[in-house]
Amino acid sequence: EGPHKDTQDLWVPVFRWFNRFLKNDEGTIDKVA
């Protein structure tokens, strides 16, 4: 949800995607950017 803006809602799934495919890590994101 949201406008054309750099939001945390977009960041977190992107971080998880990289963790999944580059680090084989499916864990939750517990650090804020």
PDB file of all heavy atoms in Angstrom:
ATOM      1  N   GLU A   1       0.840  -1.194   0.000  1.00  0.00           N
ATOM      2  CA  GLU A   1       0.000   0.000   0.000  1.00  0.00           C
ATOM      3  C   GLU A   1       0.874   1.242   0.000  1.00  0.00           C
ATOM      4  O   GLU A   1       1.891   1.300   0.692  1.00  0.00           O
ATOM      5  CB  GLU A   1      -0.899  -0.002   1.244  1.00  0.00           C
ATOM      6  CG  GLU A   1      -1.944   1.105   1.264  1.00  0.00           C
ATOM      7  CD  GLU A   1      -1.385   2.455   1.710  1.00  0.00           C
ATOM      8  OE1 GLU A   1      -0.470   2.481   2.556  1.00  0.00           O
ATOM      9  OE2 GLU A   1      -1.863   3.494   1.191  1.00  0.00           O
ATOM     10  N   GLY A   2       0.479   2.240  -0.797  1.00  0.00           N
ATOM     11  CA  GLY A   2       1.205   3.494  -0.740  1.00  0.00           C
ATOM     12  C   GLY A   2       1.403   4.140  -2.089  1.00  0.00           C
ATOM     13  O   GLY A   2       1.098   3.567  -3.142  1.00  0.00           O
ATOM     14  N   PRO A   3       1.968   5.353  -2.100  1.00  0.00           N
ATOM     15  CA  PRO A   3       2.242   6.086  -3.327  1.00  0.00           C
ATOM     16  C   PRO A   3       3.611   5.732  -3.891  1.00  0.00           C
ATOM     17  O   PRO A   3       4.231   4.748  -3.466  1.00  0.00           O
ATOM     18  CB  PRO A   3       2.199   7.548  -2.857  1.00  0.00           C
ATOM     19  CG  PRO A   3       2.760   7.471  -1.463  1.00  0.00           C
ATOM     20  CD  PRO A   3       2.287   6.149  -0.901  1.00  0.00           C
ATOM     21  N   HIS A   4       4.092   6.541  -4.806  1.00  0.00           N
ATOM     22  CA  HIS A   4       5.437   6.372  -5.357  1.00  0.00           C
ATOM     23  C   HIS A   4       6.427   6.920  -4.336  1.00  0.00           C
ATOM     24  O   HIS A   4       6.804   8.089  -4.360  1.00  0.00           O
ATOM     25  CB  HIS A   4       5.556   7.123  -6.688  1.00  0.00           C
ATOM     26  CG  HIS A   4       6.878   6.907  -7.374  1.00  0.00           C
ATOM     27  ND1 HIS A   4       7.220   5.714  -7.963  1.00  0.00           N
ATOM     28  CD2 HIS A   4       7.941   7.734  -7.549  1.00  0.00           C
ATOM     29  CE1 HIS A   4       8.437   5.812  -8.472  1.00  0.00           C
ATOM     30  NE2 HIS A   4       8.900   7.026  -8.229  1.00  0.00           N
ATOM     31  N   LYS A   5       6.843   6.053  -3.417  1.00  0.00           N
ATOM     32  CA  LYS A   5       7.649   6.492  -2.288  1.00  0.00           C
ATOM     33  C   LYS A   5       8.483   5.324  -1.777  1.00  0.00           C
ATOM     34  O   LYS A   5       8.077   4.158  -1.866  1.00  0.00           O
ATOM     35  CB  LYS A   5       6.732   7.019  -1.174  1.00  0.00           C
ATOM     36  CG  LYS A   5       7.444   7.687  -0.019  1.00  0.00           C
ATOM     37  CD  LYS A   5       6.432   8.244   0.980  1.00  0.00           C
ATOM     38  CE  LYS A   5       7.120   8.924   2.151  1.00  0.00           C
ATOM     39  NZ  LYS A   5       6.127   9.453   3.131  1.00  0.00           N
ATOM     40  N   ASP A   6       9.645   5.645  -1.228  1.00  0.00           N
ATOM     41  CA  ASP A   6      10.544   4.638  -0.656  1.00  0.00           C
ATOM     42  C   ASP A   6      10.061   4.300   0.754  1.00  0.00           C
ATOM     43  O   ASP A   6      10.396   4.983   1.713  1.00  0.00           O
ATOM     44  CB  ASP A   6      11.963   5.217  -0.628  1.00  0.00           C
ATOM     45  CG  ASP A   6      13.015   4.191  -0.243  1.00  0.00           C
ATOM     46  OD1 ASP A   6      12.810   3.001  -0.508  1.00  0.00           O
ATOM     47  OD2 ASP A   6      14.056   4.607   0.309  1.00  0.00           O
ATOM     48  N   THR A   7       9.274   3.241   0.889  1.00  0.00           N
ATOM     49  CA  THR A   7       8.643   2.930   2.172  1.00  0.00           C
ATOM     50  C   THR A   7       9.227   1.668   2.794  1.00  0.00           C
ATOM     51  O   THR A   7       9.761   0.793   2.109  1.00  0.00           O
ATOM     52  CB  THR A   7       7.130   2.715   1.999  1.00  0.00           C
ATOM     53  OG1 THR A   7       6.914   1.532   1.212  1.00  0.00           O
ATOM     54  CG2 THR A   7       6.478   3.912   1.320  1.00  0.00           C
ATOM     55  N   GLN A   8       9.073   1.562   4.098  1.00  0.00           N
ATOM     56  CA  GLN A   8       9.542   0.373   4.804  1.00  0.00           C
ATOM     57  C   GLN A   8       8.785  -0.866   4.364  1.00  0.00           C
ATOM     58  O   GLN A   8       9.342  -1.974   4.344  1.00  0.00           O
ATOM     59  CB  GLN A   8       9.409   0.581   6.313  1.00  0.00           C
ATOM     60  CG  GLN A   8      10.064  -0.522   7.136  1.00  0.00           C
ATOM     61  CD  GLN A   8      10.036  -0.234   8.619  1.00  0.00           C
ATOM     62  OE1 GLN A   8       9.101   0.377   9.112  1.00  0.00           O
ATOM     63  NE2 GLN A   8      11.068  -0.668   9.331  1.00  0.00           N
ATOM     64  N   ASP A   9       7.513  -0.692   3.980  1.00  0.00           N
ATOM     65  CA  ASP A   9       6.738  -1.837   3.504  1.00  0.00           C
ATOM     66  C   ASP A   9       7.381  -2.474   2.273  1.00  0.00           C
ATOM     67  O   ASP A   9       7.245  -3.683   2.049  1.00  0.00           O
ATOM     68  CB  ASP A   9       5.315  -1.392   3.153  1.00  0.00           C
ATOM     69  CG  ASP A   9       4.502  -1.042   4.382  1.00  0.00           C
ATOM     70  OD1 ASP A   9       4.915  -1.428   5.489  1.00  0.00           O
ATOM     71  OD2 ASP A   9       3.462  -0.362   4.242  1.00  0.00           O
ATOM     72  N   LEU A  10       8.067  -1.671   1.469  1.00  0.00           N
ATOM     73  CA  LEU A  10       8.784  -2.205   0.309  1.00  0.00           C
ATOM     74  C   LEU A  10      10.157  -2.759   0.691  1.00  0.00           C
ATOM     75  O   LEU A  10      10.599  -3.762   0.131  1.00  0.00           O
ATOM     76  CB  LEU A  10       8.951  -1.109  -0.761  1.00  0.00           C
ATOM     77  CG  LEU A  10       7.705  -0.736  -1.562  1.00  0.00           C
ATOM     78  CD1 LEU A  10       7.940   0.557  -2.337  1.00  0.00           C
ATOM     79  CD2 LEU A  10       7.316  -1.851  -2.530  1.00  0.00           C
ATOM     80  N   TRP A  11      10.832  -2.081   1.631  1.00  0.00           N
ATOM     81  CA  TRP A  11      12.189  -2.518   1.964  1.00  0.00           C
ATOM     82  C   TRP A  11      12.237  -3.935   2.503  1.00  0.00           C
ATOM     83  O   TRP A  11      13.057  -4.752   2.070  1.00  0.00           O
ATOM     84  CB  TRP A  11      12.813  -1.631   3.049  1.00  0.00           C
ATOM     85  CG  TRP A  11      12.776  -0.178   2.834  1.00  0.00           C
ATOM     86  CD1 TRP A  11      12.620   0.496   1.653  1.00  0.00           C
ATOM     87  CD2 TRP A  11      12.887   0.818   3.860  1.00  0.00           C
ATOM     88  NE1 TRP A  11      12.632   1.842   1.869  1.00  0.00           N
ATOM     89  CE2 TRP A  11      12.794   2.073   3.209  1.00  0.00           C
ATOM     90  CE3 TRP A  11      13.058   0.766   5.241  1.00  0.00           C
ATOM     91  CZ2 TRP A  11      12.872   3.269   3.914  1.00  0.00           C
ATOM     92  CZ3 TRP A  11      13.140   1.952   5.934  1.00  0.00           C
ATOM     93  CH2 TRP A  11      13.047   3.195   5.283  1.00  0.00           C
ATOM     94  N   VAL A  12      11.368  -4.228   3.477  1.00  0.00           N
ATOM     95  CA  VAL A  12      11.510  -5.473   4.241  1.00  0.00           C
ATOM     96  C   VAL A  12      11.389  -6.711   3.348  1.00  0.00           C
ATOM     97  O   VAL A  12      12.224  -7.626   3.433  1.00  0.00           O
ATOM     98  CB  VAL A  12      10.515  -5.515   5.422  1.00  0.00           C
ATOM     99  CG1 VAL A  12      10.548  -6.870   6.100  1.00  0.00           C
ATOM    100  CG2 VAL A  12      10.848  -4.401   6.430  1.00  0.00           C
ATOM    101  N   PRO A  13      10.388  -6.799   2.462  1.00  0.00           N
ATOM    102  CA  PRO A  13      10.345  -7.988   1.591  1.00  0.00           C
ATOM    103  C   PRO A  13      11.540  -8.086   0.645  1.00  0.00           C
ATOM    104  O   PRO A  13      11.963  -9.194   0.299  1.00  0.00           O
ATOM    105  CB  PRO A  13       9.034  -7.801   0.814  1.00  0.00           C
ATOM    106  CG  PRO A  13       8.205  -6.897   1.664  1.00  0.00           C
ATOM    107  CD  PRO A  13       9.173  -5.963   2.300  1.00  0.00           C
ATOM    108  N   VAL A  14      12.077  -6.936   0.233  1.00  0.00           N
ATOM    109  CA  VAL A  14      13.274  -6.960  -0.607  1.00  0.00           C
ATOM    110  C   VAL A  14      14.451  -7.536   0.175  1.00  0.00           C
ATOM    111  O   VAL A  14      15.198  -8.389  -0.332  1.00  0.00           O
ATOM    112  CB  VAL A  14      13.592  -5.548  -1.139  1.00  0.00           C
ATOM    113  CG1 VAL A  14      14.977  -5.500  -1.778  1.00  0.00           C
ATOM    114  CG2 VAL A  14      12.538  -5.110  -2.153  1.00  0.00           C
ATOM    115  N   PHE A  15      14.614  -7.087   1.416  1.00  0.00           N
ATOM    116  CA  PHE A  15      15.682  -7.644   2.254  1.00  0.00           C
ATOM    117  C   PHE A  15      15.508  -9.149   2.415  1.00  0.00           C
ATOM    118  O   PHE A  15      16.472  -9.920   2.329  1.00  0.00           O
ATOM    119  CB  PHE A  15      15.671  -6.984   3.642  1.00  0.00           C
ATOM    120  CG  PHE A  15      15.985  -5.514   3.639  1.00  0.00           C
ATOM    121  CD1 PHE A  15      15.521  -4.697   4.665  1.00  0.00           C
ATOM    122  CD2 PHE A  15      16.727  -4.939   2.625  1.00  0.00           C
ATOM    123  CE1 PHE A  15      15.806  -3.338   4.675  1.00  0.00           C
ATOM    124  CE2 PHE A  15      17.018  -3.578   2.625  1.00  0.00           C
ATOM    125  CZ  PHE A  15      16.560  -2.780   3.657  1.00  0.00           C
ATOM    126  N   ARG A  16      14.283  -9.589   2.638  1.00  0.00           N
ATOM    127  CA  ARG A  16      14.027 -11.021   2.828  1.00  0.00           C
ATOM    128  C   ARG A  16      14.324 -11.810   1.539  1.00  0.00           C
ATOM    129  O   ARG A  16      14.814 -12.940   1.595  1.00  0.00           O
ATOM    130  CB  ARG A  16      12.578 -11.253   3.253  1.00  0.00           C
ATOM    131  CG  ARG A  16      12.254 -10.733   4.654  1.00  0.00           C
ATOM    132  CD  ARG A  16      10.884 -11.201   5.105  1.00  0.00           C
ATOM    133  NE  ARG A  16      10.867 -12.653   5.283  1.00  0.00           N
ATOM    134  CZ  ARG A  16       9.831 -13.430   4.961  1.00  0.00           C
ATOM    135  NH1 ARG A  16       8.736 -12.904   4.444  1.00  0.00           N
ATOM    136  NH2 ARG A  16       9.886 -14.726   5.178  1.00  0.00           N
ATOM    137  N   TRP A  17      14.009 -11.221   0.382  1.00  0.00           N
ATOM    138  CA  TRP A  17      14.265 -11.894  -0.894  1.00  0.00           C
ATOM    139  C   TRP A  17      15.762 -12.141  -1.085  1.00  0.00           C
ATOM    140  O   TRP A  17      16.185 -13.236  -1.457  1.00  0.00           O
ATOM    141  CB  TRP A  17      13.703 -11.046  -2.030  1.00  0.00           C
ATOM    142  CG  TRP A  17      13.710 -11.688  -3.382  1.00  0.00           C
ATOM    143  CD1 TRP A  17      14.633 -11.528  -4.373  1.00  0.00           C
ATOM    144  CD2 TRP A  17      12.734 -12.603  -3.917  1.00  0.00           C
ATOM    145  NE1 TRP A  17      14.305 -12.262  -5.489  1.00  0.00           N
ATOM    146  CE2 TRP A  17      13.135 -12.929  -5.232  1.00  0.00           C
ATOM    147  CE3 TRP A  17      11.568 -13.161  -3.412  1.00  0.00           C
ATOM    148  CZ2 TRP A  17      12.398 -13.793  -6.043  1.00  0.00           C
ATOM    149  CZ3 TRP A  17      10.836 -14.024  -4.220  1.00  0.00           C
ATOM    150  CH2 TRP A  17      11.256 -14.334  -5.513  1.00  0.00           C
ATOM    151  N   PHE A  18      16.563 -11.122  -0.787  1.00  0.00           N
ATOM    152  CA  PHE A  18      18.009 -11.303  -0.902  1.00  0.00           C
ATOM    153  C   PHE A  18      18.518 -12.321   0.115  1.00  0.00           C
ATOM    154  O   PHE A  18      19.368 -13.168  -0.215  1.00  0.00           O
ATOM    155  CB  PHE A  18      18.735  -9.968  -0.725  1.00  0.00           C
ATOM    156  CG  PHE A  18      18.662  -9.082  -1.935  1.00  0.00           C
ATOM    157  CD1 PHE A  18      18.155  -7.798  -1.841  1.00  0.00           C
ATOM    158  CD2 PHE A  18      19.103  -9.526  -3.174  1.00  0.00           C
ATOM    159  CE1 PHE A  18      18.093  -6.972  -2.966  1.00  0.00           C
ATOM    160  CE2 PHE A  18      19.041  -8.707  -4.297  1.00  0.00           C
ATOM    161  CZ  PHE A  18      18.536  -7.432  -4.187  1.00  0.00           C
ATOM    162  N   ASN A  19      18.042 -12.254   1.342  1.00  0.00           N
ATOM    163  CA  ASN A  19      18.459 -13.241   2.346  1.00  0.00           C
ATOM    164  C   ASN A  19      18.142 -14.666   1.889  1.00  0.00           C
ATOM    165  O   ASN A  19      18.936 -15.596   2.050  1.00  0.00           O
ATOM    166  CB  ASN A  19      17.757 -12.976   3.675  1.00  0.00           C
ATOM    167  CG  ASN A  19      18.432 -11.888   4.480  1.00  0.00           C
ATOM    168  OD1 ASN A  19      19.519 -11.425   4.140  1.00  0.00           O
ATOM    169  ND2 ASN A  19      17.793 -11.470   5.565  1.00  0.00           N
ATOM    170  N   ARG A  20      16.969 -14.817   1.308  1.00  0.00           N
ATOM    171  CA  ARG A  20      16.520 -16.140   0.874  1.00  0.00           C
ATOM    172  C   ARG A  20      17.410 -16.715  -0.222  1.00  0.00           C
ATOM    173  O   ARG A  20      17.809 -17.888  -0.157  1.00  0.00           O
ATOM    174  CB  ARG A  20      15.072 -16.039   0.387  1.00  0.00           C
ATOM    175  CG  ARG A  20      14.487 -17.305  -0.202  1.00  0.00           C
ATOM    176  CD  ARG A  20      13.063 -17.018  -0.645  1.00  0.00           C
ATOM    177  NE  ARG A  20      12.504 -18.057  -1.474  1.00  0.00           N
ATOM    178  CZ  ARG A  20      11.353 -17.947  -2.138  1.00  0.00           C
ATOM    179  NH1 ARG A  20      10.650 -16.827  -2.038  1.00  0.00           N
ATOM    180  NH2 ARG A  20      10.910 -18.931  -2.874  1.00  0.00           N
ATOM    181  N   PHE A  21      17.732 -15.894  -1.219  1.00  0.00           N
ATOM    182  CA  PHE A  21      18.427 -16.435  -2.388  1.00  0.00           C
ATOM    183  C   PHE A  21      19.944 -16.244  -2.350  1.00  0.00           C
ATOM    184  O   PHE A  21      20.654 -16.938  -3.074  1.00  0.00           O
ATOM    185  CB  PHE A  21      17.852 -15.815  -3.663  1.00  0.00           C
ATOM    186  CG  PHE A  21      16.502 -16.365  -4.037  1.00  0.00           C
ATOM    187  CD1 PHE A  21      15.349 -15.663  -3.755  1.00  0.00           C
ATOM    188  CD2 PHE A  21      16.389 -17.599  -4.656  1.00  0.00           C
ATOM    189  CE1 PHE A  21      14.103 -16.168  -4.089  1.00  0.00           C
ATOM    190  CE2 PHE A  21      15.153 -18.122  -4.990  1.00  0.00           C
ATOM    191  CZ  PHE A  21      14.006 -17.409  -4.709  1.00  0.00           C
ATOM    192  N   LEU A  22      20.444 -15.320  -1.567  1.00  0.00           N
ATOM    193  CA  LEU A  22      21.891 -15.119  -1.496  1.00  0.00           C
ATOM    194  C   LEU A  22      22.513 -15.684  -0.230  1.00  0.00           C
ATOM    195  O   LEU A  22      23.722 -15.930  -0.187  1.00  0.00           O
ATOM    196  CB  LEU A  22      22.229 -13.624  -1.600  1.00  0.00           C
ATOM    197  CG  LEU A  22      21.964 -12.958  -2.959  1.00  0.00           C
ATOM    198  CD1 LEU A  22      22.306 -11.480  -2.901  1.00  0.00           C
ATOM    199  CD2 LEU A  22      22.754 -13.637  -4.085  1.00  0.00           C
ATOM    200  N   LYS A  23      21.681 -15.910   0.812  1.00  0.00           N
ATOM    201  CA  LYS A  23      22.227 -16.411   2.085  1.00  0.00           C
ATOM    202  C   LYS A  23      21.506 -17.661   2.583  1.00  0.00           C
ATOM    203  O   LYS A  23      21.847 -18.175   3.652  1.00  0.00           O
ATOM    204  CB  LYS A  23      22.121 -15.312   3.152  1.00  0.00           C
ATOM    205  CG  LYS A  23      22.975 -14.088   2.852  1.00  0.00           C
ATOM    206  CD  LYS A  23      22.738 -12.961   3.848  1.00  0.00           C
ATOM    207  CE  LYS A  23      23.240 -13.288   5.213  1.00  0.00           C
ATOM    208  NZ  LYS A  23      23.063 -12.138   6.153  1.00  0.00           N
ATOM    209  N   ASN A  24      20.498 -18.118   1.829  1.00  0.00           N
ATOM    210  CA  ASN A  24      19.708 -19.277   2.251  1.00  0.00           C
ATOM    211  C   ASN A  24      19.159 -19.077   3.656  1.00  0.00           C
ATOM    212  O   ASN A  24      19.161 -19.977   4.503  1.00  0.00           O
ATOM    213  CB  ASN A  24      20.554 -20.562   2.188  1.00  0.00           C
ATOM    214  CG  ASN A  24      19.708 -21.812   2.258  1.00  0.00           C
ATOM    215  OD1 ASN A  24      18.541 -21.811   1.856  1.00  0.00           O
ATOM    216  ND2 ASN A  24      20.273 -22.887   2.780  1.00  0.00           N
ATOM    217  N   ASP A  25      18.647 -17.879   3.900  1.00  0.00           N
ATOM    218  CA  ASP A  25      18.155 -17.473   5.214  1.00  0.00           C
ATOM    219  C   ASP A  25      16.693 -17.071   5.082  1.00  0.00           C
ATOM    220  O   ASP A  25      16.364 -16.100   4.392  1.00  0.00           O
ATOM    221  CB  ASP A  25      18.994 -16.299   5.734  1.00  0.00           C
ATOM    222  CG  ASP A  25      18.542 -15.790   7.098  1.00  0.00           C
ATOM    223  OD1 ASP A  25      17.548 -16.310   7.642  1.00  0.00           O
ATOM    224  OD2 ASP A  25      19.177 -14.846   7.600  1.00  0.00           O
ATOM    225  N   GLU A  26      15.802 -17.812   5.710  1.00  0.00           N
ATOM    226  CA  GLU A  26      14.364 -17.534   5.640  1.00  0.00           C
ATOM    227  C   GLU A  26      13.858 -16.830   6.900  1.00  0.00           C
ATOM    228  O   GLU A  26      12.657 -16.715   7.123  1.00  0.00           O
ATOM    229  CB  GLU A  26      13.589 -18.846   5.449  1.00  0.00           C
ATOM    230  CG  GLU A  26      13.891 -19.572   4.147  1.00  0.00           C
ATOM    231  CD  GLU A  26      13.033 -19.096   2.986  1.00  0.00           C
ATOM    232  OE1 GLU A  26      12.326 -18.077   3.152  1.00  0.00           O
ATOM    233  OE2 GLU A  26      13.066 -19.756   1.927  1.00  0.00           O
ATOM    234  N   GLY A  27      14.759 -16.355   7.730  1.00  0.00           N
ATOM    235  CA  GLY A  27      14.369 -15.753   8.997  1.00  0.00           C
ATOM    236  C   GLY A  27      13.681 -14.406   8.833  1.00  0.00           C
ATOM    237  O   GLY A  27      13.607 -13.827   7.740  1.00  0.00           O
ATOM    238  N   THR A  28      13.182 -13.898   9.956  1.00  0.00           N
ATOM    239  CA  THR A  28      12.505 -12.605   9.955  1.00  0.00           C
ATOM    240  C   THR A  28      13.533 -11.467   9.970  1.00  0.00           C
ATOM    241  O   THR A  28      14.708 -11.664  10.292  1.00  0.00           O
ATOM    242  CB  THR A  28      11.582 -12.472  11.178  1.00  0.00           C
ATOM    243  OG1 THR A  28      12.362 -12.636  12.369  1.00  0.00           O
ATOM    244  CG2 THR A  28      10.487 -13.518  11.135  1.00  0.00           C
ATOM    245  N   ILE A  29      13.066 -10.287   9.626  1.00  0.00           N
ATOM    246  CA  ILE A  29      13.911  -9.093   9.625  1.00  0.00           C
ATOM    247  C   ILE A  29      13.718  -8.373  10.955  1.00  0.00           C
ATOM    248  O   ILE A  29      12.610  -7.923  11.284  1.00  0.00           O
ATOM    249  CB  ILE A  29      13.543  -8.145   8.466  1.00  0.00           C
ATOM    250  CG1 ILE A  29      13.671  -8.874   7.124  1.00  0.00           C
ATOM    251  CG2 ILE A  29      14.407  -6.896   8.494  1.00  0.00           C
ATOM    252  CD1 ILE A  29      15.046  -9.366   6.796  1.00  0.00           C
ATOM    253  N   ASP A  30      14.788  -8.262  11.729  1.00  0.00           N
ATOM    254  CA  ASP A  30      14.637  -7.656  13.047  1.00  0.00           C
ATOM    255  C   ASP A  30      15.457  -6.377  13.214  1.00  0.00           C
ATOM    256  O   ASP A  30      15.522  -5.815  14.308  1.00  0.00           O
ATOM    257  CB  ASP A  30      15.013  -8.656  14.154  1.00  0.00           C
ATOM    258  CG  ASP A  30      16.416  -9.208  13.990  1.00  0.00           C
ATOM    259  OD1 ASP A  30      17.154  -8.727  13.101  1.00  0.00           O
ATOM    260  OD2 ASP A  30      16.780 -10.119  14.756  1.00  0.00           O
ATOM    261  N   LYS A  31      16.075  -5.916  12.123  1.00  0.00           N
ATOM    262  CA  LYS A  31      16.806  -4.657  12.172  1.00  0.00           C
ATOM    263  C   LYS A  31      16.139  -3.646  11.256  1.00  0.00           C
ATOM    264  O   LYS A  31      15.803  -3.961  10.117  1.00  0.00           O
ATOM    265  CB  LYS A  31      18.265  -4.851  11.751  1.00  0.00           C
ATOM    266  CG  LYS A  31      19.112  -5.596  12.771  1.00  0.00           C
ATOM    267  CD  LYS A  31      20.578  -5.598  12.374  1.00  0.00           C
ATOM    268  CE  LYS A  31      21.419  -6.304  13.438  1.00  0.00           C
ATOM    269  NZ  LYS A  31      22.865  -6.303  13.100  1.00  0.00           N
ATOM    270  N   VAL A  32      15.977  -2.441  11.760  1.00  0.00           N
ATOM    271  CA  VAL A  32      15.329  -1.381  10.990  1.00  0.00           C
ATOM    272  C   VAL A  32      16.367  -0.675  10.129  1.00  0.00           C
ATOM    273  O   VAL A  32      17.491  -0.425  10.566  1.00  0.00           O
ATOM    274  CB  VAL A  32      14.648  -0.369  11.934  1.00  0.00           C
ATOM    275  CG1 VAL A  32      14.046   0.780  11.143  1.00  0.00           C
ATOM    276  CG2 VAL A  32      13.589  -1.064  12.776  1.00  0.00           C
ATOM    277  N   ALA A  33      15.997  -0.362   8.894  1.00  0.00           N
ATOM    278  CA  ALA A  33      16.874   0.420   8.027  1.00  0.00           C
ATOM    279  C   ALA A  33      16.633   1.897   8.292  1.00  0.00           C
ATOM    280  O   ALA A  33      15.510   2.393   8.128  1.00  0.00           O
ATOM    281  CB  ALA A  33      16.587   0.098   6.561  1.00  0.00           C
TER     282      ALA A  33
END
